[in-house]
Amino acid sequence: MKPTSTLTFASALAVFMLLSAGPAATASFDCRAADLSEAEVTICENSTLNDKDVEMATTYSLIGGLLPEGERQTLEQDQRVWLARLDACETNADCIAAAYAERMADLRTVYERIRAR
């Protein structure tokens, strides 16, 4: 069954990103925390990576809200695995950017499966 809303996922994401843009938009985690991983510190110090983090976290949250419980648990497990790969990048900004690109592609695939129902 296809969603009846005329608001597409991309449109919803774009609206959310516009509303959250500006000085208040920061990483999806607290950059002031004392126990940040090296990758998190790199993300906090790099505005491009910070933006990728906000986009991924927003997309992840929106998709999670569309899934039934069992599939949401799978999405959460996949996110934990991905976060471990992200942390393995340490301070390598190119590795972190590639990890975000990979995760966004995975999330788009999940969304397309939801849309196809």
N, C-alpha and C. Protein backbone atom coordinates (compact mmCIF):
# COMPACT_ATOMS: atom_id res chain seq x y z
N MET A 1 0.83 -1.16 0.00
CA MET A 1 0.00 0.00 0.00
C MET A 1 0.89 1.24 0.00
N LYS A 2 0.67 2.15 -0.92
CA LYS A 2 1.48 3.35 -1.01
C LYS A 2 0.93 4.42 -0.08
N PRO A 3 1.82 5.28 0.48
CA PRO A 3 1.36 6.35 1.34
C PRO A 3 0.45 7.29 0.55
N THR A 4 -0.59 7.80 1.21
CA THR A 4 -1.53 8.68 0.53
C THR A 4 -1.08 10.13 0.55
N SER A 5 -0.12 10.47 1.35
CA SER A 5 0.35 11.83 1.45
C SER A 5 1.05 12.26 0.17
N THR A 6 0.79 13.50 -0.24
CA THR A 6 1.47 14.01 -1.44
C THR A 6 2.85 14.56 -1.10
N LEU A 7 3.14 14.66 0.18
CA LEU A 7 4.44 15.13 0.61
C LEU A 7 5.43 13.99 0.49
N THR A 8 6.38 14.10 -0.40
CA THR A 8 7.36 13.04 -0.58
C THR A 8 8.39 13.09 0.53
N PHE A 9 9.12 12.00 0.67
CA PHE A 9 10.17 11.95 1.68
C PHE A 9 11.18 13.05 1.45
N ALA A 10 11.60 13.24 0.21
CA ALA A 10 12.60 14.27 -0.10
C ALA A 10 12.07 15.65 0.28
N SER A 11 10.80 15.91 0.00
CA SER A 11 10.20 17.20 0.35
C SER A 11 10.18 17.39 1.86
N ALA A 12 9.77 16.34 2.57
CA ALA A 12 9.71 16.42 4.03
C ALA A 12 11.09 16.67 4.61
N LEU A 13 12.08 15.97 4.07
CA LEU A 13 13.45 16.16 4.55
C LEU A 13 13.93 17.57 4.25
N ALA A 14 13.63 18.07 3.06
CA ALA A 14 14.05 19.43 2.69
C ALA A 14 13.43 20.47 3.62
N VAL A 15 12.15 20.32 3.93
CA VAL A 15 11.47 21.24 4.83
C VAL A 15 12.12 21.18 6.21
N PHE A 16 12.35 19.97 6.71
CA PHE A 16 12.97 19.84 8.02
C PHE A 16 14.35 20.48 8.04
N MET A 17 15.13 20.24 7.00
CA MET A 17 16.49 20.80 6.95
C MET A 17 16.45 22.32 6.92
N LEU A 18 15.49 22.90 6.19
CA LEU A 18 15.37 24.36 6.15
C LEU A 18 15.00 24.91 7.52
N LEU A 19 14.09 24.23 8.20
CA LEU A 19 13.65 24.68 9.51
C LEU A 19 14.76 24.55 10.54
N SER A 20 15.63 23.57 10.37
CA SER A 20 16.68 23.36 11.37
C SER A 20 18.00 24.01 10.97
N ALA A 21 18.04 24.68 9.83
CA ALA A 21 19.29 25.31 9.37
C ALA A 21 19.62 26.52 10.23
N GLY A 22 20.84 26.94 10.14
CA GLY A 22 21.25 28.13 10.86
C GLY A 22 22.12 27.78 12.05
N PRO A 23 22.35 28.75 12.93
CA PRO A 23 23.26 28.54 14.03
C PRO A 23 22.85 27.43 14.99
N ALA A 24 21.57 27.12 15.07
CA ALA A 24 21.14 26.08 16.01
C ALA A 24 21.42 24.67 15.48
N ALA A 25 21.66 24.53 14.19
CA ALA A 25 21.89 23.21 13.61
C ALA A 25 23.31 22.75 13.94
N THR A 26 23.41 21.71 14.74
CA THR A 26 24.71 21.15 15.09
C THR A 26 24.64 19.65 14.88
N ALA A 27 25.72 18.99 15.16
CA ALA A 27 25.75 17.53 15.01
C ALA A 27 24.63 16.90 15.82
N SER A 28 24.33 15.66 15.52
CA SER A 28 23.25 14.96 16.20
C SER A 28 23.63 14.53 17.61
N PHE A 29 24.83 14.86 18.02
CA PHE A 29 25.32 14.53 19.36
C PHE A 29 25.94 15.78 19.95
N ASP A 30 26.20 15.77 21.23
CA ASP A 30 26.73 16.93 21.94
C ASP A 30 28.23 17.06 21.71
N CYS A 31 28.61 18.06 20.94
CA CYS A 31 30.03 18.27 20.63
C CYS A 31 30.83 18.72 21.86
N ARG A 32 30.15 19.06 22.93
CA ARG A 32 30.85 19.48 24.16
C ARG A 32 31.08 18.32 25.12
N ALA A 33 30.58 17.14 24.78
CA ALA A 33 30.73 15.98 25.66
C ALA A 33 32.20 15.63 25.84
N ALA A 34 32.54 15.16 27.01
CA ALA A 34 33.93 14.84 27.33
C ALA A 34 34.41 13.54 26.70
N ASP A 35 33.49 12.66 26.35
CA ASP A 35 33.88 11.32 25.90
C ASP A 35 33.68 11.10 24.41
N LEU A 36 33.91 12.13 23.61
CA LEU A 36 33.74 12.01 22.16
C LEU A 36 34.82 11.11 21.57
N SER A 37 34.43 10.35 20.56
CA SER A 37 35.42 9.57 19.81
C SER A 37 36.21 10.52 18.91
N GLU A 38 37.31 10.03 18.37
CA GLU A 38 38.09 10.85 17.44
C GLU A 38 37.26 11.26 16.23
N ALA A 39 36.43 10.33 15.74
CA ALA A 39 35.57 10.64 14.60
C ALA A 39 34.58 11.74 14.95
N GLU A 40 34.00 11.67 16.14
CA GLU A 40 33.04 12.70 16.56
C GLU A 40 33.70 14.07 16.68
N VAL A 41 34.90 14.12 17.22
CA VAL A 41 35.63 15.38 17.30
C VAL A 41 35.86 15.93 15.90
N THR A 42 36.25 15.08 14.98
CA THR A 42 36.48 15.50 13.59
C THR A 42 35.20 16.04 12.98
N ILE A 43 34.07 15.37 13.23
CA ILE A 43 32.78 15.83 12.72
C ILE A 43 32.43 17.20 13.30
N CYS A 44 32.64 17.38 14.59
CA CYS A 44 32.33 18.66 15.23
C CYS A 44 33.18 19.80 14.70
N GLU A 45 34.40 19.50 14.29
CA GLU A 45 35.33 20.52 13.82
C GLU A 45 35.19 20.82 12.33
N ASN A 46 34.39 20.05 11.62
CA ASN A 46 34.28 20.18 10.16
C ASN A 46 32.82 20.44 9.80
N SER A 47 32.52 21.64 9.33
CA SER A 47 31.12 22.00 9.06
C SER A 47 30.47 21.12 8.00
N THR A 48 31.23 20.67 7.02
CA THR A 48 30.67 19.80 5.99
C THR A 48 30.27 18.45 6.59
N LEU A 49 31.14 17.89 7.41
CA LEU A 49 30.82 16.62 8.06
C LEU A 49 29.68 16.80 9.06
N ASN A 50 29.68 17.92 9.74
CA ASN A 50 28.61 18.22 10.68
C ASN A 50 27.27 18.24 9.94
N ASP A 51 27.22 18.88 8.79
CA ASP A 51 25.99 18.92 7.98
C ASP A 51 25.58 17.52 7.54
N LYS A 52 26.55 16.71 7.15
CA LYS A 52 26.25 15.32 6.75
C LYS A 52 25.67 14.54 7.93
N ASP A 53 26.19 14.80 9.13
CA ASP A 53 25.69 14.12 10.31
C ASP A 53 24.23 14.50 10.58
N VAL A 54 23.93 15.79 10.49
CA VAL A 54 22.55 16.25 10.72
C VAL A 54 21.62 15.64 9.67
N GLU A 55 22.04 15.62 8.42
CA GLU A 55 21.21 15.04 7.36
C GLU A 55 20.96 13.55 7.61
N MET A 56 22.01 12.83 7.94
CA MET A 56 21.85 11.39 8.18
C MET A 56 20.97 11.13 9.39
N ALA A 57 21.19 11.85 10.48
CA ALA A 57 20.41 11.64 11.69
C ALA A 57 18.93 11.96 11.46
N THR A 58 18.66 13.00 10.72
CA THR A 58 17.28 13.38 10.41
C THR A 58 16.63 12.32 9.54
N THR A 59 17.33 11.87 8.53
CA THR A 59 16.80 10.84 7.64
C THR A 59 16.55 9.55 8.40
N TYR A 60 17.50 9.16 9.22
CA TYR A 60 17.38 7.95 10.03
C TYR A 60 16.14 8.03 10.93
N SER A 61 15.95 9.16 11.57
CA SER A 61 14.81 9.35 12.46
C SER A 61 13.48 9.28 11.70
N LEU A 62 13.42 9.95 10.56
CA LEU A 62 12.18 9.94 9.76
C LEU A 62 11.85 8.53 9.29
N ILE A 63 12.83 7.82 8.80
CA ILE A 63 12.60 6.46 8.31
C ILE A 63 12.21 5.54 9.47
N GLY A 64 12.88 5.68 10.60
CA GLY A 64 12.54 4.86 11.76
C GLY A 64 11.09 5.01 12.16
N GLY A 65 10.55 6.21 12.01
CA GLY A 65 9.16 6.45 12.35
C GLY A 65 8.18 5.84 11.37
N LEU A 66 8.65 5.43 10.21
CA LEU A 66 7.78 4.83 9.20
C LEU A 66 7.75 3.31 9.26
N LEU A 67 8.65 2.73 10.03
CA LEU A 67 8.80 1.27 10.04
C LEU A 67 8.04 0.62 11.20
N PRO A 68 7.53 -0.59 10.97
CA PRO A 68 6.96 -1.36 12.08
C PRO A 68 8.10 -1.79 13.02
N GLU A 69 7.74 -2.18 14.23
CA GLU A 69 8.72 -2.47 15.28
C GLU A 69 9.85 -3.41 14.85
N GLY A 70 9.53 -4.55 14.26
CA GLY A 70 10.58 -5.50 13.88
C GLY A 70 11.58 -4.92 12.90
N GLU A 71 11.08 -4.21 11.92
CA GLU A 71 11.98 -3.59 10.94
C GLU A 71 12.75 -2.44 11.55
N ARG A 72 12.15 -1.74 12.51
CA ARG A 72 12.84 -0.65 13.19
C ARG A 72 14.03 -1.20 13.98
N GLN A 73 13.85 -2.37 14.59
CA GLN A 73 14.95 -2.99 15.34
C GLN A 73 16.11 -3.33 14.40
N THR A 74 15.79 -3.80 13.21
CA THR A 74 16.84 -4.09 12.22
C THR A 74 17.55 -2.80 11.82
N LEU A 75 16.79 -1.73 11.59
CA LEU A 75 17.38 -0.44 11.25
C LEU A 75 18.31 0.03 12.36
N GLU A 76 17.88 -0.13 13.60
CA GLU A 76 18.71 0.28 14.74
C GLU A 76 20.00 -0.55 14.83
N GLN A 77 19.90 -1.84 14.58
CA GLN A 77 21.09 -2.70 14.59
C GLN A 77 22.05 -2.29 13.47
N ASP A 78 21.51 -2.04 12.29
CA ASP A 78 22.34 -1.58 11.17
C ASP A 78 23.03 -0.26 11.52
N GLN A 79 22.32 0.62 12.24
CA GLN A 79 22.90 1.90 12.63
C GLN A 79 24.05 1.70 13.59
N ARG A 80 23.90 0.77 14.54
CA ARG A 80 25.00 0.50 15.49
C ARG A 80 26.24 -0.03 14.75
N VAL A 81 26.03 -0.92 13.78
CA VAL A 81 27.15 -1.45 12.99
C VAL A 81 27.80 -0.31 12.22
N TRP A 82 26.97 0.54 11.61
CA TRP A 82 27.51 1.67 10.84
C TRP A 82 28.29 2.62 11.75
N LEU A 83 27.77 2.90 12.95
CA LEU A 83 28.47 3.80 13.87
C LEU A 83 29.85 3.26 14.25
N ALA A 84 29.96 1.96 14.38
CA ALA A 84 31.28 1.36 14.67
C ALA A 84 32.23 1.58 13.50
N ARG A 85 31.71 1.43 12.27
CA ARG A 85 32.55 1.69 11.09
C ARG A 85 32.95 3.16 11.03
N LEU A 86 32.00 4.05 11.37
CA LEU A 86 32.30 5.48 11.38
C LEU A 86 33.40 5.78 12.38
N ASP A 87 33.29 5.23 13.59
CA ASP A 87 34.30 5.47 14.62
C ASP A 87 35.67 4.95 14.19
N ALA A 88 35.69 3.89 13.39
CA ALA A 88 36.96 3.33 12.92
C ALA A 88 37.69 4.30 11.99
N CYS A 89 36.98 5.28 11.45
CA CYS A 89 37.62 6.28 10.58
C CYS A 89 38.54 7.21 11.38
N GLU A 90 38.32 7.28 12.68
CA GLU A 90 39.09 8.14 13.57
C GLU A 90 39.09 9.57 13.07
N THR A 91 40.24 10.14 12.67
CA THR A 91 40.31 11.54 12.25
C THR A 91 40.34 11.71 10.73
N ASN A 92 40.12 10.65 9.98
CA ASN A 92 40.18 10.69 8.52
C ASN A 92 38.86 11.24 7.96
N ALA A 93 38.86 12.52 7.61
CA ALA A 93 37.65 13.20 7.13
C ALA A 93 37.11 12.55 5.85
N ASP A 94 37.99 12.10 4.96
CA ASP A 94 37.52 11.45 3.72
C ASP A 94 36.80 10.14 4.04
N CYS A 95 37.32 9.39 4.98
CA CYS A 95 36.70 8.14 5.41
C CYS A 95 35.34 8.42 6.03
N ILE A 96 35.25 9.46 6.86
CA ILE A 96 33.99 9.82 7.51
C ILE A 96 32.96 10.24 6.46
N ALA A 97 33.38 11.07 5.51
CA ALA A 97 32.47 11.51 4.44
C ALA A 97 31.97 10.32 3.63
N ALA A 98 32.85 9.38 3.33
CA ALA A 98 32.45 8.19 2.59
C ALA A 98 31.47 7.34 3.40
N ALA A 99 31.69 7.26 4.71
CA ALA A 99 30.78 6.50 5.57
C ALA A 99 29.40 7.13 5.56
N TYR A 100 29.33 8.45 5.61
CA TYR A 100 28.03 9.13 5.54
C TYR A 100 27.35 8.89 4.19
N ALA A 101 28.11 8.95 3.12
CA ALA A 101 27.53 8.71 1.79
C ALA A 101 26.97 7.30 1.70
N GLU A 102 27.70 6.34 2.22
CA GLU A 102 27.25 4.94 2.21
C GLU A 102 25.98 4.77 3.03
N ARG A 103 25.95 5.38 4.23
CA ARG A 103 24.76 5.23 5.08
C ARG A 103 23.55 5.90 4.45
N MET A 104 23.74 7.07 3.84
CA MET A 104 22.61 7.75 3.20
C MET A 104 22.08 6.90 2.04
N ALA A 105 22.95 6.25 1.30
CA ALA A 105 22.50 5.36 0.22
C ALA A 105 21.69 4.21 0.79
N ASP A 106 22.16 3.64 1.90
CA ASP A 106 21.42 2.55 2.55
C ASP A 106 20.05 3.02 3.02
N LEU A 107 20.00 4.21 3.62
CA LEU A 107 18.73 4.74 4.12
C LEU A 107 17.77 5.04 2.98
N ARG A 108 18.30 5.53 1.85
CA ARG A 108 17.44 5.77 0.68
C ARG A 108 16.84 4.46 0.17
N THR A 109 17.63 3.40 0.21
CA THR A 109 17.14 2.08 -0.20
C THR A 109 16.00 1.62 0.71
N VAL A 110 16.18 1.80 2.01
CA VAL A 110 15.13 1.43 2.97
C VAL A 110 13.87 2.25 2.68
N TYR A 111 14.04 3.53 2.45
CA TYR A 111 12.88 4.38 2.17
C TYR A 111 12.17 3.93 0.89
N GLU A 112 12.92 3.61 -0.13
CA GLU A 112 12.28 3.17 -1.40
C GLU A 112 11.49 1.90 -1.19
N ARG A 113 11.97 1.00 -0.33
CA ARG A 113 11.20 -0.21 -0.01
C ARG A 113 9.90 0.13 0.69
N ILE A 114 9.95 1.11 1.59
CA ILE A 114 8.74 1.55 2.30
C ILE A 114 7.76 2.15 1.30
N ARG A 115 8.26 2.98 0.43
CA ARG A 115 7.41 3.65 -0.57
C ARG A 115 6.77 2.66 -1.53
N ALA A 116 7.46 1.60 -1.83
CA ALA A 116 6.95 0.61 -2.79
C ALA A 116 5.80 -0.22 -2.23
N ARG A 117 5.63 -0.22 -0.93
CA ARG A 117 4.57 -1.03 -0.32
C ARG A 117 3.20 -0.54 -0.68
